[in-house]
Amino acid sequence: MTDGELLARACAEAAADKKAENILVLKMEGISTFTDFFVICSGASEPQLKAISSEIRENAREKLNRRPSSEDGFPASQWIVLDYGDVIVHIFHSEKREFYALENLWSDAPRLELAS
């Protein structure tokens, strides 16, 4: 398992710990030149989006000594992006996720099987 896959799985687990919905990991290797994995998840409220992003940052730092190279968005924008280089995490409010439908834009990307 690559470092990127380890990080993607750790981010997905951290999101699950904060009850994120519809967690999806897309394997972007060979499809994208800018990242190896997308982690996409949803939250039902702005406080939950904040909790999910905080848990992902903390988990990645503590378990893998990784910090995002950049962050964009905030809970009020209903879309937060954490960029780790090889992994990009998208945390959406449920309605924004339906509108942008990233998983449909990258429908040719294989999905990682996640533990339930």
Protein backbone atom coordinates (compact mmCIF):
# COMPACT_ATOMS: atom_id res chain seq x y z
CA MET A 1 0.00 0.00 0.00
CA THR A 2 1.39 3.40 -0.97
CA ASP A 3 1.73 6.36 1.40
CA GLY A 4 -1.06 8.06 -0.53
CA GLU A 5 -3.42 5.14 -0.07
CA LEU A 6 -2.58 4.97 3.64
CA LEU A 7 -3.37 8.66 3.98
CA ALA A 8 -6.58 8.39 1.92
CA ARG A 9 -7.79 5.52 4.10
CA ALA A 10 -6.84 7.41 7.30
CA CYS A 11 -8.77 10.46 6.09
CA ALA A 12 -11.81 8.32 5.28
CA GLU A 13 -11.66 6.67 8.72
CA ALA A 14 -11.39 10.06 10.45
CA ALA A 15 -14.39 11.32 8.48
CA ALA A 16 -16.34 8.21 9.52
CA ASP A 17 -15.43 8.88 13.16
CA LYS A 18 -17.32 12.19 12.87
CA LYS A 19 -20.30 10.50 11.18
CA ALA A 20 -19.59 11.83 7.67
CA GLU A 21 -21.97 10.46 5.07
CA ASN A 22 -21.35 8.81 1.71
CA ILE A 23 -17.58 8.53 2.15
CA LEU A 24 -15.87 7.72 -1.12
CA VAL A 25 -12.20 7.32 -2.07
CA LEU A 26 -11.38 7.64 -5.77
CA LYS A 27 -8.07 6.32 -7.05
CA MET A 28 -6.87 9.04 -9.41
CA GLU A 29 -3.50 7.55 -10.37
CA GLY A 30 -3.22 7.42 -14.15
CA ILE A 31 -6.30 9.66 -14.52
CA SER A 32 -5.10 12.87 -12.87
CA THR A 33 -1.73 14.59 -13.00
CA PHE A 34 -2.30 16.59 -9.82
CA THR A 35 -3.21 13.96 -7.19
CA ASP A 36 -3.38 10.22 -6.59
CA PHE A 37 -6.57 10.06 -4.48
CA PHE A 38 -9.73 12.03 -3.86
CA VAL A 39 -11.54 11.52 -0.58
CA ILE A 40 -15.10 12.83 -0.84
CA CYS A 41 -17.58 12.96 2.03
CA SER A 42 -20.65 14.86 3.19
CA GLY A 43 -21.91 16.41 6.37
CA ALA A 44 -25.37 17.57 7.34
CA SER A 45 -24.46 20.88 9.01
CA GLU A 46 -21.73 23.51 9.20
CA PRO A 47 -20.61 22.38 12.69
CA GLN A 48 -20.30 18.82 11.39
CA LEU A 49 -18.20 19.98 8.40
CA LYS A 50 -15.87 21.75 10.83
CA ALA A 51 -15.66 18.65 13.05
CA ILE A 52 -14.92 16.37 10.08
CA SER A 53 -12.14 18.61 8.75
CA SER A 54 -10.59 19.00 12.21
CA GLU A 55 -10.66 15.24 12.80
CA ILE A 56 -9.04 14.54 9.41
CA ARG A 57 -6.26 17.08 10.00
CA GLU A 58 -5.61 15.79 13.53
CA ASN A 59 -5.67 12.13 12.49
CA ALA A 60 -3.31 12.67 9.54
CA ARG A 61 -0.90 14.64 11.73
CA GLU A 62 -0.90 12.23 14.66
CA LYS A 63 -0.87 8.92 12.78
CA LEU A 64 1.10 9.77 9.63
CA ASN A 65 2.86 13.05 10.46
CA ARG A 66 1.15 14.72 7.50
CA ARG A 67 -0.23 18.22 7.28
CA PRO A 68 -2.19 19.69 4.38
CA SER A 69 -0.10 21.88 2.08
CA SER A 70 -3.18 24.06 1.65
CA GLU A 71 -6.75 24.37 2.84
CA ASP A 72 -9.61 26.14 1.16
CA GLY A 73 -13.18 26.87 2.10
CA PHE A 74 -14.77 26.95 5.51
CA PRO A 75 -17.95 25.54 7.04
CA ALA A 76 -20.09 28.51 5.95
CA SER A 77 -19.08 27.93 2.31
CA GLN A 78 -20.33 24.34 2.67
CA TRP A 79 -17.25 22.96 0.90
CA ILE A 80 -13.86 22.45 2.55
CA VAL A 81 -10.81 21.18 0.66
CA LEU A 82 -7.70 19.79 2.35
CA ASP A 83 -4.81 19.33 -0.08
CA TYR A 84 -2.12 16.86 0.95
CA GLY A 85 -0.62 16.66 -2.55
CA ASP A 86 -1.11 12.95 -3.19
CA VAL A 87 -4.53 13.09 -1.49
CA ILE A 88 -7.16 15.80 -1.83
CA VAL A 89 -10.05 15.71 0.62
CA HIS A 90 -13.39 17.29 -0.29
CA ILE A 91 -15.84 17.79 2.57
CA PHE A 92 -19.23 18.96 1.34
CA HIS A 93 -22.55 19.89 2.81
CA SER A 94 -24.90 17.27 1.35
CA GLU A 95 -26.68 19.74 -0.95
CA LYS A 96 -23.43 21.20 -2.33
CA ARG A 97 -22.12 17.71 -3.01
CA GLU A 98 -25.18 16.89 -5.11
CA PHE A 99 -24.75 20.16 -7.03
CA TYR A 100 -21.03 19.69 -7.84
CA ALA A 101 -21.20 15.87 -8.19
CA LEU A 102 -17.42 15.36 -8.28
CA GLU A 103 -17.79 11.59 -8.28
CA ASN A 104 -19.72 11.90 -11.55
CA LEU A 105 -17.03 14.10 -13.11
CA TRP A 106 -14.46 11.43 -12.25
CA SER A 107 -16.71 8.42 -12.89
CA ASP A 108 -13.88 6.55 -14.63
CA ALA A 109 -11.81 6.54 -11.43
CA PRO A 110 -11.73 3.25 -9.51
CA ARG A 111 -13.15 3.38 -6.00
CA LEU A 112 -11.27 2.01 -3.03
CA GLU A 113 -13.14 -0.51 -0.93
CA LEU A 114 -13.51 0.87 2.59
CA ALA A 115 -14.15 -1.00 5.81
CA SER A 116 -17.70 -0.49 7.00
